[in-house]
Amino acid sequence: MGKEAKSKIVIVQARYGSTRLRGKILKNISGKPMLWHVINRLSYCKMIDKIVVATTNDPEDDKTERFCIDNAISYYRGDVNNVLSRYYETAKKFRADIIIRITSDCPLIDPVILDKMIEQFLSFTEPIDYFSNVIQRTFPRGLDIEIFSFEALEKAFTEAKTDFDREHVTPYFYNNPGIFKIKNYQNDIDYSFHRWTVDTEEDFRLVEEIYRSLYQPDKLFLFEEILNLFETNPDLLKINQHIKQKLN
């Protein structure tokens, strides 16, 4: 199969029962659920073929399923804690050759950065198993993008045994550089001190402020515009700078 023919599918893991901020994926931002904004921003990507929400079999995620049905979004329901198996089953069902992992707590995900990363992933002379911007962070947390082949995912699904590896999906890749061919995507300037993910009420409040300033229904705001907003409103950093990231 040639490079152009490979199926590139974004799988967004989404769970209603988040431990730190319950129900965050359906919390309202500028009139729409947070998960809607994640999907909407991803829909601007030119290099992907499909977006699928991978949610859980927990009864609470009936709400997530209903959201997907109401918004005509493809979805799959799998194990609550074994997210690696959920990814593998989703990728297999939708026949993904290349998987792009995005989490549902990233409502500022940038489709331009994603397109550049997919293009680079496909352009390597020697095929890469795992390509991301999270091994050595230079982008804000919340712009996390991980790209890997189905073959690599299948290998991880078969071989990863620890609860940690199976819950967090990708550590098995970057903790085993002897098994997988891995590369990192870096920005020219280190902006990793920014926290744009949503894990707590403070995180959510910051994202609300960013959307209040920049969101327009018919126009997408991107990485540079958010950085410019922080330049003119440096106090935004104080909203969630004290939050410690959960290990993942």
Foldseek 3Di string as FASTA:
>chain_A
DDLVPAAEEEEEEDEQCFPADHRQQQDDAPRGGLLVLVVVQQVPAPPHDAYEYQYEPPPVCVVVVVVCVVVVHHYHYYHHQQVLVSVLVVCVVVVGFKYKYDYSQQSQAHNVVVNVQVVVQSPDPDHFAKEWAPPDHQDAASNTIIMGGSVSSVVCVVPPDDSVCRRVVPPVAVVCCVVGGYDYDHDPGRPHLHHQGDRHPLNVVLVSVLCVPDDDPVDDDHDVVSVVVCVVVVCSCVSCSPDDDDDD
